Protein backbone atom coordinates (compact mmCIF):
# COMPACT_ATOMS: atom_id res chain seq x y z
CA UNK A 1 90.77 -2.33 82.81
CA UNK A 2 88.52 -4.15 85.36
CA UNK A 3 89.72 -6.12 87.98
CA UNK A 4 87.81 -9.19 87.44
CA UNK A 5 89.33 -12.83 87.21
CA UNK A 6 88.50 -14.04 83.93
CA UNK A 7 88.07 -17.62 85.27
CA UNK A 8 86.21 -17.21 88.70
CA UNK A 9 84.61 -13.75 88.18
CA UNK A 10 86.12 -12.67 91.55
CA UNK A 11 85.74 -8.70 91.46
CA UNK A 12 86.56 -6.01 94.06
CA UNK A 13 84.39 -6.22 97.36
CA UNK A 14 83.05 -3.11 99.31
CA UNK A 15 83.73 -2.60 102.88
CA UNK A 16 84.24 0.16 105.42
CA UNK A 17 87.36 1.68 107.58
CA UNK A 18 86.08 2.65 110.85
CA UNK A 19 87.72 5.19 113.18
CA UNK A 20 87.07 4.97 116.74
CA UNK A 21 88.25 7.31 119.51
CA UNK A 22 88.50 6.94 123.09
CA UNK A 23 89.30 4.59 125.75
CA UNK A 24 87.48 1.04 126.17
CA UNK A 25 85.42 0.44 129.35
CA UNK A 26 87.19 -2.48 130.51
CA UNK A 27 90.75 -0.48 130.38
CA UNK A 28 89.15 2.44 132.67
CA UNK A 29 87.84 4.78 130.09
CA UNK A 30 84.28 5.88 129.21
CA UNK A 31 83.86 3.63 126.31
CA UNK A 32 85.19 3.94 122.66
CA UNK A 33 82.99 5.97 119.96
CA UNK A 34 83.01 5.99 116.08
CA UNK A 35 84.21 9.23 114.88
CA UNK A 36 84.41 8.60 111.04
CA UNK A 37 83.54 5.75 108.56
CA UNK A 38 84.88 5.81 104.83
CA UNK A 39 84.51 3.47 102.10
CA UNK A 40 87.24 1.10 101.03
CA UNK A 41 87.66 -1.72 98.36
CA UNK A 42 88.92 -5.34 98.88
CA UNK A 43 90.90 -6.00 95.59
CA UNK A 44 91.26 -9.37 94.52
CA UNK A 45 94.92 -10.54 94.05
CA UNK A 46 95.29 -10.87 89.93
CA UNK A 47 98.06 -12.12 88.29
CA UNK A 48 98.78 -12.15 84.77
CA UNK A 49 99.73 -15.56 83.30
CA UNK A 50 100.16 -17.35 80.05
CA UNK A 51 97.41 -19.91 79.87
CA UNK A 52 95.97 -22.41 77.06
CA UNK A 53 92.53 -21.37 76.19
CA UNK A 54 90.49 -22.90 73.48
CA UNK A 55 93.82 -24.53 72.05
CA UNK A 56 95.60 -21.29 71.98
CA UNK A 57 98.15 -19.50 74.25
CA UNK A 58 97.39 -16.19 75.58
CA UNK A 59 97.82 -13.89 78.85
CA UNK A 60 94.72 -13.83 81.15
CA UNK A 61 94.21 -11.98 84.37
CA UNK A 62 93.41 -14.66 86.91
CA UNK A 63 93.08 -14.43 90.74
CA UNK A 64 95.76 -16.65 92.85
CA UNK A 65 93.01 -18.52 94.22
CA UNK A 66 92.28 -19.84 90.66
CA UNK A 67 96.07 -20.57 90.24
CA UNK A 68 95.94 -22.64 93.49
CA UNK A 69 93.00 -24.53 92.58
CA UNK A 70 94.71 -25.64 89.24
CA UNK A 71 92.04 -24.06 86.98
CA UNK A 72 94.68 -22.72 84.83
CA UNK A 73 96.53 -24.85 82.14
CA UNK A 74 100.06 -23.56 81.74
CA UNK A 75 101.47 -23.87 78.02
CA UNK A 76 104.31 -26.36 77.61
CA UNK A 77 107.48 -24.61 77.40
CA UNK A 78 108.81 -23.62 73.98
CA UNK A 79 111.28 -25.79 72.04
CA UNK A 80 111.75 -24.07 68.66
CA UNK A 81 114.39 -21.25 68.34
CA UNK A 82 114.06 -18.04 66.31
CA UNK A 83 115.35 -17.90 62.99
CA UNK A 84 118.66 -15.76 62.83
CA UNK A 85 118.61 -12.39 61.17
CA UNK A 86 119.66 -12.69 57.49
CA UNK A 87 122.50 -10.23 56.98
CA UNK A 88 121.57 -7.05 54.68
CA UNK A 89 122.57 -7.78 51.02
């Protein structure tokens, strides 16, 4: 399943992990050098919440920023009770 917010369209970002070795010049060394660069992903903070969409209640995957901004309308708490199971005849 794609890690995409259904309301804002926020998706994973790209970046790098940079490995350095050596001692900084201002600390008395000869300077730091990059020894490796590996790719990494910045994933959005997605939450699965119940929301009212087009008049019906369903689960959506939205980012936490969308929740903080108030873009999600939560459904009203359920008031009706389930029917009791009828005894077998």
